[in-house]
Amino acid sequence: MNLITFPIKHFNNNIEVYSAKEIVFSSSWFMEFGKFISEIFNTDQKVIYTITKQFQFWKWRMVYHIKQDNVLLPGLISKNNRRTIYTIEMNQMLYEIKVNYKKRFSIFKDGVKVAEIDESSEDSEFKGIAKLFVLDKKDLEISFLLFSCLKIGETDQRSKGLLPSQKELEVNTDPWS
């Protein structure tokens, strides 16, 4: 398996993914009228996605409303009460992101794992930096979009999550690192 690795830096309300020390995509979020809003930028600092985070109390689920070029896309929706599995259908493909043990995220496209994000890196080269692994560089943008959705509102990569126990997270059946 040939994995392509990209470092992800998370500082305050910003996330940046790099390729050869250049920012490929970045996202930042802010609070507007009681809702978290995030914008994802490309290398030219042009907004390519706008995300609104919303908790649907009556259904007890999290929804991320995504706009691309002012067109509302289907939302990223949590599929369980623990908010560890999210799905979205884009470009006739079903994407799923799972929150795994040990600060990892697995991303699937039509049931096939295409990316993994590891925030628990202890490598000296990646100390304090998350690693994004993709099989195909074409999946970098959607992987960063999905990861950015889940990180809206977190101010530090090393902060503790809202989930009280690792037992509540999804099992990573095929860890890549």
Protein backbone atom coordinates (compact mmCIF):
# COMPACT_ATOMS: atom_id res chain seq x y z
CA MET A 1 0.00 0.00 0.00
CA ASN A 2 1.50 3.34 -1.09
CA LEU A 3 0.37 6.00 1.35
CA ILE A 4 0.88 9.71 0.80
CA THR A 5 1.45 11.58 4.08
CA PHE A 6 0.54 15.21 4.76
CA PRO A 7 1.21 17.04 8.05
CA ILE A 8 -1.71 18.90 9.65
CA LYS A 9 -1.11 21.76 12.08
CA HIS A 10 -3.86 22.80 14.49
CA PHE A 11 -3.49 26.04 16.41
CA ASN A 12 -6.34 27.90 18.12
CA ASN A 13 -9.15 28.10 15.56
CA ASN A 14 -7.05 27.22 12.51
CA ILE A 15 -6.09 23.98 10.78
CA GLU A 16 -3.58 23.79 7.93
CA VAL A 17 -2.50 20.85 5.78
CA TYR A 18 0.90 21.04 4.11
CA SER A 19 2.63 19.55 1.10
CA ALA A 20 6.36 20.25 0.83
CA LYS A 21 6.09 23.06 3.43
CA GLU A 22 3.38 24.87 1.44
CA ILE A 23 -0.18 25.15 2.68
CA VAL A 24 -2.49 23.12 0.46
CA PHE A 25 -5.75 23.79 2.37
CA SER A 26 -6.55 25.68 5.53
CA SER A 27 -9.65 26.19 7.61
CA SER A 28 -10.61 28.58 10.35
CA TRP A 29 -13.77 28.95 12.38
CA PHE A 30 -15.56 31.64 14.31
CA MET A 31 -18.79 32.14 16.24
CA GLU A 32 -21.61 34.01 14.48
CA PHE A 33 -25.06 34.48 16.02
CA GLY A 34 -24.50 31.55 18.39
CA LYS A 35 -23.38 29.13 15.67
CA PHE A 36 -19.94 27.95 14.70
CA ILE A 37 -19.03 28.84 11.11
CA SER A 38 -15.93 27.53 9.34
CA GLU A 39 -14.37 28.47 6.05
CA ILE A 40 -11.97 26.28 4.08
CA PHE A 41 -9.44 28.00 1.83
CA ASN A 42 -7.34 26.69 -1.06
CA THR A 43 -3.72 27.65 -1.78
CA ASP A 44 -4.87 30.98 -3.28
CA GLN A 45 -6.69 31.83 -0.02
CA LYS A 46 -10.03 31.58 -1.85
CA VAL A 47 -12.95 30.23 0.19
CA ILE A 48 -13.95 26.89 -1.32
CA TYR A 49 -16.31 25.64 1.44
CA THR A 50 -18.35 27.24 4.19
CA ILE A 51 -19.51 24.99 7.02
CA THR A 52 -22.13 25.66 9.70
CA LYS A 53 -22.12 23.38 12.74
CA GLN A 54 -25.56 22.66 14.21
CA PHE A 55 -26.71 20.33 16.97
CA GLN A 56 -30.21 19.02 16.32
CA PHE A 57 -31.43 18.60 19.86
CA TRP A 58 -34.72 16.90 18.97
CA LYS A 59 -32.87 14.16 17.03
CA TRP A 60 -29.81 14.22 19.33
CA ARG A 61 -27.37 14.45 16.43
CA MET A 62 -24.77 16.78 14.99
CA VAL A 63 -25.17 18.18 11.47
CA TYR A 64 -22.61 20.15 9.45
CA HIS A 65 -24.22 22.19 6.66
CA ILE A 66 -21.72 22.63 3.82
CA LYS A 67 -21.80 25.25 1.05
CA GLN A 68 -19.57 25.22 -2.00
CA ASP A 69 -19.76 28.31 -4.22
CA ASN A 70 -23.00 29.34 -2.42
CA VAL A 71 -24.61 25.99 -3.31
CA LEU A 72 -25.82 24.01 -0.29
CA LEU A 73 -24.47 20.45 -0.41
CA PRO A 74 -25.93 17.54 1.54
CA GLY A 75 -24.90 17.82 5.19
CA LEU A 76 -22.43 15.71 7.12
CA ILE A 77 -24.68 13.98 9.65
CA SER A 78 -23.86 11.94 12.74
CA LYS A 79 -25.29 8.44 12.48
CA ASN A 80 -25.19 7.48 16.14
CA ASN A 81 -25.85 9.16 19.49
CA ARG A 82 -22.18 8.95 20.47
CA ARG A 83 -21.30 11.10 17.42
CA THR A 84 -18.53 8.75 16.28
CA ILE A 85 -19.80 7.96 12.76
CA TYR A 86 -20.72 10.65 10.21
CA THR A 87 -21.85 10.32 6.59
CA ILE A 88 -22.32 12.60 3.60
CA GLU A 89 -23.22 11.91 -0.02
CA MET A 90 -21.25 14.02 -2.48
CA ASN A 91 -20.70 13.55 -6.23
CA GLN A 92 -22.73 10.31 -6.19
CA MET A 93 -20.39 8.84 -3.58
CA LEU A 94 -21.07 8.05 0.06
CA TYR A 95 -18.33 9.29 2.40
CA GLU A 96 -18.10 8.17 5.99
CA ILE A 97 -15.78 9.32 8.75
CA LYS A 98 -15.31 7.31 11.93
CA VAL A 99 -13.77 8.56 15.16
CA ASN A 100 -11.42 5.77 16.29
CA TYR A 101 -9.42 4.88 19.38
CA LYS A 102 -6.16 6.71 20.09
CA LYS A 103 -7.03 10.00 18.35
CA ARG A 104 -7.49 8.57 14.88
CA PHE A 105 -10.08 9.18 12.19
CA SER A 106 -10.85 6.78 9.32
CA ILE A 107 -12.41 8.09 6.10
CA PHE A 108 -14.26 5.80 3.71
CA LYS A 109 -15.54 6.33 0.17
CA ASP A 110 -18.31 3.91 -0.80
CA GLY A 111 -17.18 1.56 1.97
CA VAL A 112 -13.47 1.55 1.04
CA LYS A 113 -10.97 3.23 3.34
CA VAL A 114 -9.28 6.09 1.46
CA ALA A 115 -7.71 8.13 4.28
CA GLU A 116 -6.70 8.07 7.92
CA ILE A 117 -5.78 10.90 10.26
CA ASP A 118 -3.53 10.22 13.25
CA GLU A 119 -3.35 12.90 15.93
CA SER A 120 -1.31 10.76 18.34
CA SER A 121 2.01 10.95 16.51
CA GLU A 122 5.12 10.60 18.66
CA ASP A 123 7.61 10.79 15.77
CA SER A 124 10.16 13.55 16.31
CA GLU A 125 9.41 14.85 12.81
CA PHE A 126 5.65 15.05 13.52
CA LYS A 127 5.68 15.91 17.25
CA GLY A 128 2.53 17.91 17.99
CA ILE A 129 1.40 17.62 14.37
CA ALA A 130 -1.30 15.28 13.05
CA LYS A 131 -0.60 13.06 10.04
CA LEU A 132 -3.06 12.66 7.18
CA PHE A 133 -2.56 9.49 5.12
CA VAL A 134 -4.31 9.14 1.75
CA LEU A 135 -4.14 6.45 -0.89
CA ASP A 136 -4.80 8.94 -3.69
CA LYS A 137 -4.05 12.67 -3.66
CA LYS A 138 -7.53 13.26 -5.16
CA ASP A 139 -9.02 12.37 -1.75
CA LEU A 140 -7.02 15.04 0.09
CA GLU A 141 -9.64 17.80 -0.29
CA ILE A 142 -12.63 15.76 0.90
CA SER A 143 -10.57 14.26 3.74
CA PHE A 144 -9.54 17.72 4.92
CA LEU A 145 -13.15 18.94 4.62
CA LEU A 146 -14.49 16.08 6.76
CA PHE A 147 -11.73 16.46 9.37
CA SER A 148 -12.30 20.23 9.52
CA CYS A 149 -16.00 19.68 10.18
CA LEU A 150 -15.27 17.55 13.23
CA LYS A 151 -12.67 19.99 14.57
CA ILE A 152 -14.92 23.09 14.49
CA GLY A 153 -14.88 24.60 17.95
CA GLU A 154 -11.76 22.85 19.25
CA THR A 155 -9.04 25.35 20.04
CA ASP A 156 -6.11 22.96 20.49
CA GLN A 157 -5.11 19.70 18.82
CA ARG A 158 -4.00 18.27 22.15
CA SER A 159 -7.26 19.13 23.94
CA LYS A 160 -9.31 16.36 25.43
CA GLY A 161 -12.38 15.32 23.49
CA LEU A 162 -15.91 15.43 24.78
CA LEU A 163 -16.18 11.66 24.81
CA PRO A 164 -15.57 10.31 28.31
CA SER A 165 -14.20 6.90 27.35
CA GLN A 166 -12.20 5.23 24.59
CA LYS A 167 -14.79 2.41 24.83
CA GLU A 168 -17.31 4.68 23.14
CA LEU A 169 -15.17 5.20 20.04
CA GLU A 170 -15.20 3.09 16.87
CA VAL A 171 -12.73 0.24 16.40
CA ASN A 172 -10.11 0.92 13.74
CA THR A 173 -10.04 -2.45 11.99
CA ASP A 174 -7.22 -1.46 9.61
CA PRO A 175 -4.81 1.09 11.19
CA TRP A 176 -2.36 2.51 8.66
CA SER A 177 0.36 3.63 11.02
